[in-house]
Amino acid sequence: MSIWWSLHLRREAASVPLARRLLLGTMETAGVDPDVSYELSVALTEACANAVEHGGGGTDGSGAGGRAYRVTAYLDGETCRIEVADSGPGFPGQGGEPGPAGVPPAPADAEHGRGLRLIAELADHVHFGNRSGRGGAVVSFDKILKWKDSPSLLLA
């Protein structure tokens, strides 16, 4: 069995906990280990917060003029993949894998700038890129799942 959902959310701070709660509920129902669920939810929170803060200015294809972003989650077999796409200016350059060139470290006293680095640390595979055509940033990340002893929903 696989679980898939997609949300089209307004670029408002109140949308971030909604996405996080839906992910946590999905993970709990599927029987994912709570530690893995928590790590994924923190990474999702960071990606959504970035979309809310930086994801405006373009068109999101809905007529909302950059006032929305999309969160999609796929739970399939042993892997969870999450994608957050916005309609902002995108990442400078080509995007790509996180690393010294792709995600510069934030200064020690900075109040912002650690989110992408945190996502890269919490996930098994991360891609930061730009949407082709309509513009905007896409943050996608995967994590191998671990299961608790007695899942609420059996995945085949």
C-alpha atoms as a PDB file:
ATOM      1  CA  MET A   1       0.000   0.000   0.000  1.00  0.00           C
ATOM      2  CA  SER A   2       1.108   3.511  -0.642  1.00  0.00           C
ATOM      3  CA  ILE A   3      -0.183   6.812   0.689  1.00  0.00           C
ATOM      4  CA  TRP A   4      -0.043  10.024  -1.313  1.00  0.00           C
ATOM      5  CA  TRP A   5      -1.388  13.487  -0.583  1.00  0.00           C
ATOM      6  CA  SER A   6      -0.921  16.998  -1.887  1.00  0.00           C
ATOM      7  CA  LEU A   7      -1.863  20.330  -0.314  1.00  0.00           C
ATOM      8  CA  HIS A   8      -2.190  23.695  -1.982  1.00  0.00           C
ATOM      9  CA  LEU A   9      -1.607  26.169   0.871  1.00  0.00           C
ATOM     10  CA  ARG A  10      -1.650  29.930   1.256  1.00  0.00           C
ATOM     11  CA  ARG A  11       1.711  31.534   1.998  1.00  0.00           C
ATOM     12  CA  GLU A  12       0.756  32.250   5.590  1.00  0.00           C
ATOM     13  CA  ALA A  13       2.502  31.145   8.763  1.00  0.00           C
ATOM     14  CA  ALA A  14      -0.666  29.341   9.907  1.00  0.00           C
ATOM     15  CA  SER A  15      -0.355  26.899   6.982  1.00  0.00           C
ATOM     16  CA  VAL A  16       2.913  25.414   8.270  1.00  0.00           C
ATOM     17  CA  PRO A  17       1.504  23.557  11.312  1.00  0.00           C
ATOM     18  CA  LEU A  18      -1.351  22.235   9.158  1.00  0.00           C
ATOM     19  CA  ALA A  19       1.087  20.509   6.795  1.00  0.00           C
ATOM     20  CA  ARG A  20       3.142  19.241   9.734  1.00  0.00           C
ATOM     21  CA  ARG A  21       0.091  17.782  11.540  1.00  0.00           C
ATOM     22  CA  LEU A  22      -1.126  16.041   8.391  1.00  0.00           C
ATOM     23  CA  LEU A  23       2.303  14.471   7.893  1.00  0.00           C
ATOM     24  CA  LEU A  24       2.552  13.360  11.522  1.00  0.00           C
ATOM     25  CA  GLY A  25      -0.960  11.869  11.379  1.00  0.00           C
ATOM     26  CA  THR A  26      -0.132   9.993   8.190  1.00  0.00           C
ATOM     27  CA  MET A  27       3.092   8.636   9.685  1.00  0.00           C
ATOM     28  CA  GLU A  28       1.387   7.563  12.913  1.00  0.00           C
ATOM     29  CA  THR A  29      -1.436   5.825  11.066  1.00  0.00           C
ATOM     30  CA  ALA A  30       1.042   4.008   8.820  1.00  0.00           C
ATOM     31  CA  GLY A  31       3.085   2.853  11.835  1.00  0.00           C
ATOM     32  CA  VAL A  32       6.266   4.811  11.178  1.00  0.00           C
ATOM     33  CA  ASP A  33       8.730   5.038  14.059  1.00  0.00           C
ATOM     34  CA  PRO A  34       8.043   8.280  16.012  1.00  0.00           C
ATOM     35  CA  ASP A  35      11.687   9.432  15.806  1.00  0.00           C
ATOM     36  CA  VAL A  36      11.656   9.190  11.998  1.00  0.00           C
ATOM     37  CA  SER A  37       8.267  10.927  11.890  1.00  0.00           C
ATOM     38  CA  TYR A  38       9.598  13.757  14.028  1.00  0.00           C
ATOM     39  CA  GLU A  39      12.688  14.234  11.834  1.00  0.00           C
ATOM     40  CA  LEU A  40      10.527  14.353   8.696  1.00  0.00           C
ATOM     41  CA  SER A  41       8.129  16.801  10.325  1.00  0.00           C
ATOM     42  CA  VAL A  42      10.972  19.163  11.293  1.00  0.00           C
ATOM     43  CA  ALA A  43      12.348  19.030   7.737  1.00  0.00           C
ATOM     44  CA  LEU A  44       8.856  19.694   6.344  1.00  0.00           C
ATOM     45  CA  THR A  45       8.391  22.605   8.746  1.00  0.00           C
ATOM     46  CA  GLU A  46      11.644  24.183   7.527  1.00  0.00           C
ATOM     47  CA  ALA A  47      10.744  23.705   3.855  1.00  0.00           C
ATOM     48  CA  CYS A  48       7.266  25.192   4.382  1.00  0.00           C
ATOM     49  CA  ALA A  49       8.646  28.120   6.379  1.00  0.00           C
ATOM     50  CA  ASN A  50      11.032  28.880   3.499  1.00  0.00           C
ATOM     51  CA  ALA A  51       8.135  28.781   1.004  1.00  0.00           C
ATOM     52  CA  VAL A  52       6.080  31.121   3.192  1.00  0.00           C
ATOM     53  CA  GLU A  53       8.942  33.574   3.638  1.00  0.00           C
ATOM     54  CA  HIS A  54      10.589  33.491   0.209  1.00  0.00           C
ATOM     55  CA  GLY A  55       8.061  31.903  -2.157  1.00  0.00           C
ATOM     56  CA  GLY A  56       6.181  34.895  -3.557  1.00  0.00           C
ATOM     57  CA  GLY A  57       6.461  37.051  -6.584  1.00  0.00           C
ATOM     58  CA  GLY A  58       5.691  34.661  -9.424  1.00  0.00           C
ATOM     59  CA  THR A  59       2.595  32.845 -10.489  1.00  0.00           C
ATOM     60  CA  ASP A  60       1.705  29.529  -8.965  1.00  0.00           C
ATOM     61  CA  GLY A  61      -0.584  28.412 -11.768  1.00  0.00           C
ATOM     62  CA  SER A  62      -3.729  28.830  -9.670  1.00  0.00           C
ATOM     63  CA  GLY A  63      -4.345  32.495 -10.330  1.00  0.00           C
ATOM     64  CA  ALA A  64      -3.190  33.184  -6.776  1.00  0.00           C
ATOM     65  CA  GLY A  65      -0.230  35.263  -8.015  1.00  0.00           C
ATOM     66  CA  GLY A  66       2.392  33.658  -5.811  1.00  0.00           C
ATOM     67  CA  ARG A  67       0.275  33.678  -2.659  1.00  0.00           C
ATOM     68  CA  ALA A  68       0.299  29.880  -2.426  1.00  0.00           C
ATOM     69  CA  TYR A  69       2.681  26.938  -2.307  1.00  0.00           C
ATOM     70  CA  ARG A  70       2.298  23.184  -2.712  1.00  0.00           C
ATOM     71  CA  VAL A  71       3.277  20.338  -0.389  1.00  0.00           C
ATOM     72  CA  THR A  72       3.207  16.765  -1.677  1.00  0.00           C
ATOM     73  CA  ALA A  73       4.050  13.671   0.363  1.00  0.00           C
ATOM     74  CA  TYR A  74       4.488  10.116  -0.900  1.00  0.00           C
ATOM     75  CA  LEU A  75       4.736   7.197   1.484  1.00  0.00           C
ATOM     76  CA  ASP A  76       5.602   4.202  -0.651  1.00  0.00           C
ATOM     77  CA  GLY A  77       7.093   1.018   0.731  1.00  0.00           C
ATOM     78  CA  GLU A  78      10.138   1.827   2.818  1.00  0.00           C
ATOM     79  CA  THR A  79      10.527   5.457   1.723  1.00  0.00           C
ATOM     80  CA  CYS A  80       8.816   8.768   2.314  1.00  0.00           C
ATOM     81  CA  ARG A  81       9.344  11.539  -0.233  1.00  0.00           C
ATOM     82  CA  ILE A  82       8.246  15.099   0.441  1.00  0.00           C
ATOM     83  CA  GLU A  83       8.237  17.971  -2.027  1.00  0.00           C
ATOM     84  CA  VAL A  84       7.558  21.645  -1.303  1.00  0.00           C
ATOM     85  CA  ALA A  85       7.226  23.925  -4.340  1.00  0.00           C
ATOM     86  CA  ASP A  86       6.640  27.674  -4.413  1.00  0.00           C
ATOM     87  CA  SER A  87       6.443  30.395  -7.076  1.00  0.00           C
ATOM     88  CA  GLY A  88       9.127  32.731  -5.774  1.00  0.00           C
ATOM     89  CA  PRO A  89      12.427  33.676  -7.365  1.00  0.00           C
ATOM     90  CA  GLY A  90      13.898  30.200  -6.837  1.00  0.00           C
ATOM     91  CA  PHE A  91      17.410  29.339  -5.776  1.00  0.00           C
ATOM     92  CA  PRO A  92      20.336  31.254  -7.249  1.00  0.00           C
ATOM     93  CA  GLY A  93      22.161  29.251  -9.912  1.00  0.00           C
ATOM     94  CA  GLN A  94      20.989  25.749 -10.724  1.00  0.00           C
ATOM     95  CA  GLY A  95      20.065  24.446  -7.275  1.00  0.00           C
ATOM     96  CA  GLY A  96      21.147  20.847  -6.765  1.00  0.00           C
ATOM     97  CA  GLU A  97      22.494  18.746  -3.975  1.00  0.00           C
ATOM     98  CA  PRO A  98      23.227  20.413  -0.656  1.00  0.00           C
ATOM     99  CA  GLY A  99      26.816  21.128   0.093  1.00  0.00           C
ATOM    100  CA  PRO A 100      29.292  23.956   0.385  1.00  0.00           C
ATOM    101  CA  ALA A 101      28.351  25.395  -3.020  1.00  0.00           C
ATOM    102  CA  GLY A 102      24.611  24.687  -2.799  1.00  0.00           C
ATOM    103  CA  VAL A 103      23.881  25.660   0.793  1.00  0.00           C
ATOM    104  CA  PRO A 104      26.320  28.099   2.322  1.00  0.00           C
ATOM    105  CA  PRO A 105      26.684  27.792   6.090  1.00  0.00           C
ATOM    106  CA  ALA A 106      24.918  30.466   8.114  1.00  0.00           C
ATOM    107  CA  PRO A 107      27.079  32.651  10.332  1.00  0.00           C
ATOM    108  CA  ALA A 108      27.123  31.465  13.955  1.00  0.00           C
ATOM    109  CA  ASP A 109      25.186  34.531  15.139  1.00  0.00           C
ATOM    110  CA  ALA A 110      22.618  34.530  12.292  1.00  0.00           C
ATOM    111  CA  GLU A 111      18.938  34.277  13.176  1.00  0.00           C
ATOM    112  CA  HIS A 112      18.060  32.881   9.731  1.00  0.00           C
ATOM    113  CA  GLY A 113      19.684  30.668   7.141  1.00  0.00           C
ATOM    114  CA  ARG A 114      19.893  27.287   8.828  1.00  0.00           C
ATOM    115  CA  GLY A 115      16.729  25.681   7.437  1.00  0.00           C
ATOM    116  CA  LEU A 116      18.133  24.171   4.235  1.00  0.00           C
ATOM    117  CA  ARG A 117      21.158  22.820   6.102  1.00  0.00           C
ATOM    118  CA  LEU A 118      18.826  21.271   8.703  1.00  0.00           C
ATOM    119  CA  ILE A 119      16.717  19.603   5.993  1.00  0.00           C
ATOM    120  CA  ALA A 120      19.895  18.159   4.477  1.00  0.00           C
ATOM    121  CA  GLU A 121      20.937  16.736   7.864  1.00  0.00           C
ATOM    122  CA  LEU A 122      17.538  15.184   8.656  1.00  0.00           C
ATOM    123  CA  ALA A 123      16.827  13.545   5.292  1.00  0.00           C
ATOM    124  CA  ASP A 124      18.631  10.737   3.476  1.00  0.00           C
ATOM    125  CA  HIS A 125      18.512  12.426   0.064  1.00  0.00           C
ATOM    126  CA  VAL A 126      17.768  16.086  -0.685  1.00  0.00           C
ATOM    127  CA  HIS A 127      17.390  18.104  -3.856  1.00  0.00           C
ATOM    128  CA  PHE A 128      17.115  21.898  -3.960  1.00  0.00           C
ATOM    129  CA  GLY A 129      16.144  23.123  -7.403  1.00  0.00           C
ATOM    130  CA  ASN A 130      14.074  25.518  -9.442  1.00  0.00           C
ATOM    131  CA  ARG A 131      10.788  24.813 -11.176  1.00  0.00           C
ATOM    132  CA  SER A 132      11.101  24.894 -14.931  1.00  0.00           C
ATOM    133  CA  GLY A 133       8.731  27.085 -16.862  1.00  0.00           C
ATOM    134  CA  ARG A 134       6.739  28.914 -14.200  1.00  0.00           C
ATOM    135  CA  GLY A 135       9.658  29.628 -11.864  1.00  0.00           C
ATOM    136  CA  GLY A 136       9.915  29.084  -8.148  1.00  0.00           C
ATOM    137  CA  ALA A 137      11.879  26.837  -5.839  1.00  0.00           C
ATOM    138  CA  VAL A 138      11.414  23.122  -5.215  1.00  0.00           C
ATOM    139  CA  VAL A 139      12.753  21.407  -2.113  1.00  0.00           C
ATOM    140  CA  SER A 140      12.377  17.627  -2.193  1.00  0.00           C
ATOM    141  CA  PHE A 141      13.714  15.129   0.285  1.00  0.00           C
ATOM    142  CA  ASP A 142      13.508  11.399   0.956  1.00  0.00           C
ATOM    143  CA  LYS A 143      13.926   9.360   4.091  1.00  0.00           C
ATOM    144  CA  ILE A 144      14.096   5.602   4.576  1.00  0.00           C
ATOM    145  CA  LEU A 145      11.382   4.646   7.033  1.00  0.00           C
ATOM    146  CA  LYS A 146      11.630   2.590  10.185  1.00  0.00           C
ATOM    147  CA  TRP A 147       8.529   1.044  11.658  1.00  0.00           C
ATOM    148  CA  LYS A 148       7.176   0.777  15.168  1.00  0.00           C
ATOM    149  CA  ASP A 149       6.327  -2.674  16.489  1.00  0.00           C
ATOM    150  CA  SER A 150       2.551  -2.512  16.029  1.00  0.00           C
ATOM    151  CA  PRO A 151       1.485  -0.259  13.129  1.00  0.00           C
ATOM    152  CA  SER A 152      -2.057   1.079  12.971  1.00  0.00           C
ATOM    153  CA  LEU A 153      -2.189   0.425   9.234  1.00  0.00           C
ATOM    154  CA  LEU A 154      -0.468  -2.486   7.548  1.00  0.00           C
ATOM    155  CA  LEU A 155       1.477  -1.515   4.433  1.00  0.00           C
ATOM    156  CA  ALA A 156       1.937  -4.247   1.862  1.00  0.00           C
END
